[in-house]
Protein backbone atom coordinates (compact mmCIF):
# COMPACT_ATOMS: atom_id res chain seq x y z
CA MET A 1 81.08 85.65 85.87
CA LEU A 2 77.83 87.36 85.48
CA LYS A 3 76.01 89.35 88.07
CA LYS A 4 72.88 89.63 89.40
CA GLY A 5 71.00 92.95 87.39
CA PHE A 6 74.21 93.08 85.06
CA LEU A 7 71.85 93.84 82.34
CA LYS A 8 69.87 96.80 84.07
CA PRO A 9 70.95 100.09 83.68
CA ASP A 10 71.84 102.83 86.21
CA LEU A 11 69.03 104.79 87.18
CA THR A 12 70.03 108.45 86.57
CA ILE A 13 68.58 111.95 85.67
CA ASN A 14 69.51 111.84 82.16
CA LYS A 15 67.76 108.70 82.28
CA ILE A 16 64.42 109.96 83.22
CA GLY A 17 64.83 113.53 81.39
CA LYS A 18 65.64 116.60 83.63
CA ARG A 19 62.72 118.50 83.05
CA GLN A 20 60.66 115.24 84.04
CA PHE A 21 62.44 114.68 87.06
CA TRP A 22 62.16 118.36 88.28
CA PHE A 23 58.56 118.43 87.12
CA GLY A 24 57.93 114.92 89.21
CA VAL A 25 59.53 115.85 92.25
CA VAL A 26 57.60 119.33 92.41
CA PHE A 27 54.43 117.66 91.48
CA GLY A 28 55.11 114.87 94.50
CA LEU A 29 55.59 117.50 97.11
CA PHE A 30 52.68 119.51 95.57
CA SER A 31 50.62 116.65 96.18
CA ALA A 32 51.76 115.80 99.02
CA PHE A 33 50.57 119.23 100.56
CA LEU A 34 46.98 118.60 99.24
CA ILE A 35 46.47 115.43 100.54
CA ASN A 36 47.37 116.17 103.95
CA LEU A 37 45.10 119.12 103.99
CA LEU A 38 42.66 117.07 102.52
CA PHE A 39 42.88 114.09 104.91
CA LEU A 40 43.01 116.77 107.96
CA ASN A 41 40.07 118.74 106.53
CA SER A 42 38.32 115.00 106.03
CA ARG A 43 39.10 113.84 109.42
CA GLU A 44 37.41 117.16 111.10
CA ALA A 45 34.43 116.82 108.79
CA LEU A 46 33.71 113.23 109.76
CA ARG A 47 34.20 113.66 113.19
CA LEU A 48 31.66 116.09 113.10
CA THR A 49 28.75 113.44 111.99
CA THR A 50 29.43 112.39 115.64
CA PHE A 51 28.25 115.01 117.36
CA THR A 52 24.78 113.80 117.35
CA ARG A 53 25.39 111.31 119.69
CA ASP A 54 28.66 111.00 122.19
CA ALA A 55 30.96 113.49 119.78
CA TYR A 56 34.28 111.63 119.16
CA ILE A 57 36.92 113.77 121.02
CA LEU A 58 40.59 113.84 120.46
CA SER A 59 43.21 114.57 123.31
CA HIS A 60 46.38 116.66 122.13
CA ARG A 61 48.47 113.75 121.98
CA GLU A 62 46.11 111.32 119.74
CA PHE A 63 45.38 114.73 117.47
CA LYS A 64 49.77 114.79 117.17
CA LEU A 65 49.99 111.13 116.44
CA TYR A 66 47.23 110.95 113.81
CA ASP A 67 49.06 114.35 112.25
CA LEU A 68 52.18 112.59 112.22
CA PHE A 69 50.23 109.39 110.57
CA PHE A 70 48.45 111.46 107.90
CA ALA A 71 52.02 113.57 107.21
CA ALA A 72 54.06 110.78 106.22
CA LEU A 73 51.25 108.91 104.41
CA SER A 74 50.90 111.83 102.26
CA SER A 75 54.63 111.76 101.80
CA SER A 76 54.64 108.15 100.66
CA ILE A 77 51.41 108.91 98.53
CA GLY A 78 53.09 112.05 96.87
CA PHE A 79 56.24 110.14 96.09
CA GLY A 80 53.89 107.41 94.34
CA PHE A 81 53.08 110.50 92.30
CA THR A 82 56.45 111.52 91.82
CA VAL A 83 57.02 107.68 90.39
CA VAL A 84 54.26 107.97 87.77
CA ILE A 85 55.33 111.18 86.68
CA TRP A 86 59.32 110.00 86.35
CA PHE A 87 58.51 106.97 84.02
CA TYR A 88 55.27 108.35 82.32
CA VAL A 89 55.94 107.09 78.50
CA SER A 90 55.41 110.11 76.87
CA ASN A 91 58.96 111.12 75.85
CA LYS A 92 60.64 107.90 75.98
CA LYS A 93 61.78 105.61 72.54
CA LYS A 94 59.21 103.04 71.76
CA GLY A 95 61.59 99.87 72.82
CA LYS A 96 61.36 100.77 76.07
CA LYS A 97 58.00 102.20 76.38
CA TYR A 98 56.72 98.13 77.63
CA LEU A 99 59.09 98.94 80.78
CA THR A 100 58.62 102.47 82.08
CA THR A 101 54.85 101.78 81.52
CA PHE A 102 55.05 98.49 83.64
CA VAL A 103 56.73 101.20 86.53
CA ALA A 104 54.28 104.14 85.94
CA SER A 105 51.41 101.96 86.12
CA THR A 106 52.63 99.70 89.12
CA SER A 107 53.00 102.82 91.08
CA PHE A 108 49.96 103.94 89.95
CA PHE A 109 48.00 101.31 91.47
CA ILE A 110 49.54 101.26 94.40
CA THR A 111 49.72 105.03 95.24
CA PHE A 112 45.96 105.22 94.49
CA LEU A 113 45.01 101.79 96.08
CA ALA A 114 46.74 102.58 99.52
CA LEU A 115 44.59 106.37 98.92
CA ALA A 116 41.21 104.41 98.88
CA PHE A 117 41.91 101.99 101.47
CA VAL A 118 42.58 104.83 103.90
CA THR A 119 39.65 106.95 102.59
CA ARG A 120 37.35 104.33 102.69
CA PHE A 121 38.36 102.75 106.34
CA GLY A 122 38.75 106.46 107.68
CA SER A 123 34.85 107.04 106.25
CA ILE A 124 33.56 103.69 107.82
CA LEU A 125 34.46 104.40 111.25
CA SER A 126 33.40 107.47 111.24
CA LEU A 127 30.05 107.01 109.86
CA ILE A 128 29.70 103.51 111.52
CA VAL A 129 31.32 102.67 114.50
CA TYR A 130 31.77 105.97 116.41
CA ASN A 131 28.16 106.42 115.69
CA LEU A 132 27.00 103.30 117.24
CA TYR A 133 25.08 103.08 120.37
CA GLY A 134 27.00 103.07 123.26
CA TYR A 135 30.66 103.30 121.54
CA ASP A 136 33.20 104.27 123.92
CA ASN A 137 36.60 104.22 122.06
CA HIS A 138 36.21 100.21 121.91
CA LEU A 139 38.13 100.14 118.74
CA ASP A 140 41.49 101.84 120.23
CA ILE A 141 43.70 102.30 116.48
CA LEU A 142 46.25 104.07 118.43
CA LYS A 143 46.67 101.44 121.03
CA ASP A 144 45.58 98.38 119.46
CA PHE A 145 47.03 99.11 115.89
CA TRP A 146 49.64 101.30 116.23
CA LEU A 147 52.34 99.25 114.11
CA LEU A 148 49.72 99.28 111.21
CA LEU A 149 49.98 103.18 111.04
CA ILE A 150 53.69 102.93 110.87
CA LEU A 151 53.77 100.27 108.25
CA ILE A 152 51.38 101.66 105.85
CA PRO A 153 53.47 104.96 104.74
CA ILE A 154 56.59 102.38 104.81
CA TYR A 155 54.82 100.01 102.66
CA ILE A 156 53.78 102.70 100.11
CA LEU A 157 57.17 103.83 99.56
CA PHE A 158 59.13 100.73 99.43
CA ALA A 159 56.72 98.92 97.37
CA ASN A 160 57.01 102.16 94.85
CA TRP A 161 60.70 101.39 94.61
CA ASN A 162 60.17 97.81 94.30
CA SER A 163 59.00 98.33 90.58
CA VAL A 164 61.50 100.74 89.81
CA ARG A 165 64.36 98.14 90.70
CA LEU A 166 63.09 95.35 88.68
CA VAL A 167 64.26 97.76 85.92
CA PHE A 168 66.97 99.81 86.88
CA LYS A 169 69.76 99.96 89.24
CA THR A 170 69.10 102.12 91.63
CA LYS A 171 71.91 102.29 94.21
CA ASN A 172 71.64 105.22 96.66
CA TRP A 173 68.13 106.60 94.99
CA VAL A 174 66.18 104.48 97.93
CA LEU A 175 68.67 105.89 100.70
CA VAL A 176 67.99 109.65 99.25
CA SER A 177 64.44 108.97 98.72
CA ILE A 178 64.06 107.85 102.48
CA ILE A 179 65.79 110.66 103.77
CA ALA A 180 63.22 112.85 101.43
CA PHE A 181 60.73 110.99 102.66
CA LEU A 182 61.40 111.63 106.28
CA LEU A 183 62.01 115.71 106.04
CA ASN A 184 58.94 115.99 103.80
CA THR A 185 56.88 113.98 106.71
CA MET A 186 58.35 116.70 109.08
CA PHE A 187 57.64 119.74 107.50
CA LEU A 188 54.03 118.48 106.58
CA PHE A 189 53.96 117.78 110.39
CA LYS A 190 55.12 120.93 111.76
CA THR A 191 53.42 123.20 108.88
CA THR A 192 50.04 121.90 107.61
CA TYR A 193 47.53 122.66 110.86
CA PHE A 194 43.74 122.25 111.45
CA ASP A 195 42.06 124.57 114.20
CA ARG A 196 40.41 121.65 115.69
CA ASP A 197 38.97 123.62 118.90
CA LYS A 198 36.51 125.43 116.02
CA ILE A 199 34.42 122.01 115.61
CA ASN A 200 34.92 121.07 119.39
CA GLN A 201 33.40 124.68 120.52
CA ILE A 202 30.21 123.44 118.53
CA HIS A 203 29.83 120.21 120.41
CA TYR A 204 30.63 122.05 124.03
CA SER A 205 28.21 125.21 123.09
CA ARG A 206 25.20 122.18 122.28
CA ASN A 207 26.12 120.94 125.93
CA LYS A 208 27.05 124.01 127.71
CA ASP A 209 24.79 123.66 130.69
CA ARG A 210 25.41 119.95 131.15
CA PHE A 211 29.69 120.69 131.08
CA GLU A 212 29.40 123.27 133.41
CA PHE A 213 27.56 121.45 136.23
CA ILE A 214 30.31 118.18 135.25
CA ASP A 215 32.89 121.09 136.03
CA ASP A 216 31.03 122.53 139.42
CA GLU A 217 31.16 119.32 140.89
CA ILE A 218 34.68 118.05 139.80
CA ASN A 219 35.77 121.50 141.38
CA LYS A 220 33.60 120.68 144.48
CA ALA A 221 35.45 117.18 144.56
CA LYS A 222 38.72 119.07 144.77
CA GLN A 223 37.73 121.30 147.47
CA ILE A 224 37.45 118.10 149.67
CA GLY A 225 40.75 116.30 148.56
CA VAL A 226 39.26 114.19 145.51
CA ASN A 227 41.11 114.08 142.62
CA ILE A 228 39.44 113.64 138.92
CA SER A 229 41.49 112.60 136.42
CA ASP A 230 41.07 114.78 132.61
CA SER A 231 40.46 110.84 131.21
CA THR A 232 37.16 110.41 133.59
CA LYS A 233 36.13 113.93 133.14
CA LEU A 234 35.78 113.14 129.57
CA ILE A 235 33.94 110.07 130.38
CA LEU A 236 31.48 111.91 132.59
CA GLN A 237 30.84 114.12 129.62
CA LYS A 238 29.25 110.91 127.54
CA LYS A 239 25.85 110.48 127.29
CA ILE A 240 25.45 106.75 126.34
CA CYS A 241 29.02 105.05 126.95
CA GLY A 242 28.76 102.16 129.15
CA LYS A 243 32.02 103.43 131.06
CA ASN A 244 29.96 106.29 132.10
CA ASN A 245 27.71 104.97 134.59
CA LYS A 246 30.57 102.98 135.90
CA SER A 247 32.32 106.38 136.38
CA CYS A 248 29.40 107.82 138.13
CA CYS A 249 28.81 104.81 140.24
CA SER A 250 32.71 105.57 141.39
CA PHE A 251 31.87 109.49 141.90
CA LYS A 252 29.21 108.96 144.16
CA ARG A 253 31.34 106.59 146.08
CA ASN A 254 34.08 109.05 146.57
CA PHE A 255 31.82 111.13 148.24
């Protein structure tokens, strides 16, 4: 009885080519590192554009969660480049060029589509949404769309394997790639860092007098037993948002 996939050869390093295999792995890791740096620096550069109004300031927890997302996204995109290198057709026999070209071109399309989607979405948010008059985190991605941040890197990883599995029997390759993906994600998350305080200092220096006044009032409130949370303090530091007016009224009532 014929079994499913009986015509597909096993995926091995020899099928890819040892030199091409290791070059693909190194190129994928290196590109993941560069892309992660690009994401982190681009986020801060785009965040700087909001300083003309109410600056888009993230908490320490939000920074860490976004850093983890960018690390996972960069790892999955780096794996896409690895697959493209593995199945690049220059050293393949003519009879197999069609299948390997199909795998490489599919991974190339998936990888650059994901990169373009995330880049475009992030730039629109920073340049348009976060600069709207009175915007105050109405579109909370971490709270309302957290599942999307998990599924995007996972989809990119498995979408690249989907085209490979149509041509080869992958066996344990998928499991090994998942382990490598998780390890590389944690490595990028722990080692790649951007000093956010430098950009935050620009915002604080521009509004030094107003922030010092707010800090003095909060300290006075603490002396009479009125505790002001950090989230309320961030709202009070904003100029235009609707929550600011409500917080000020509540602040006055507490006194």
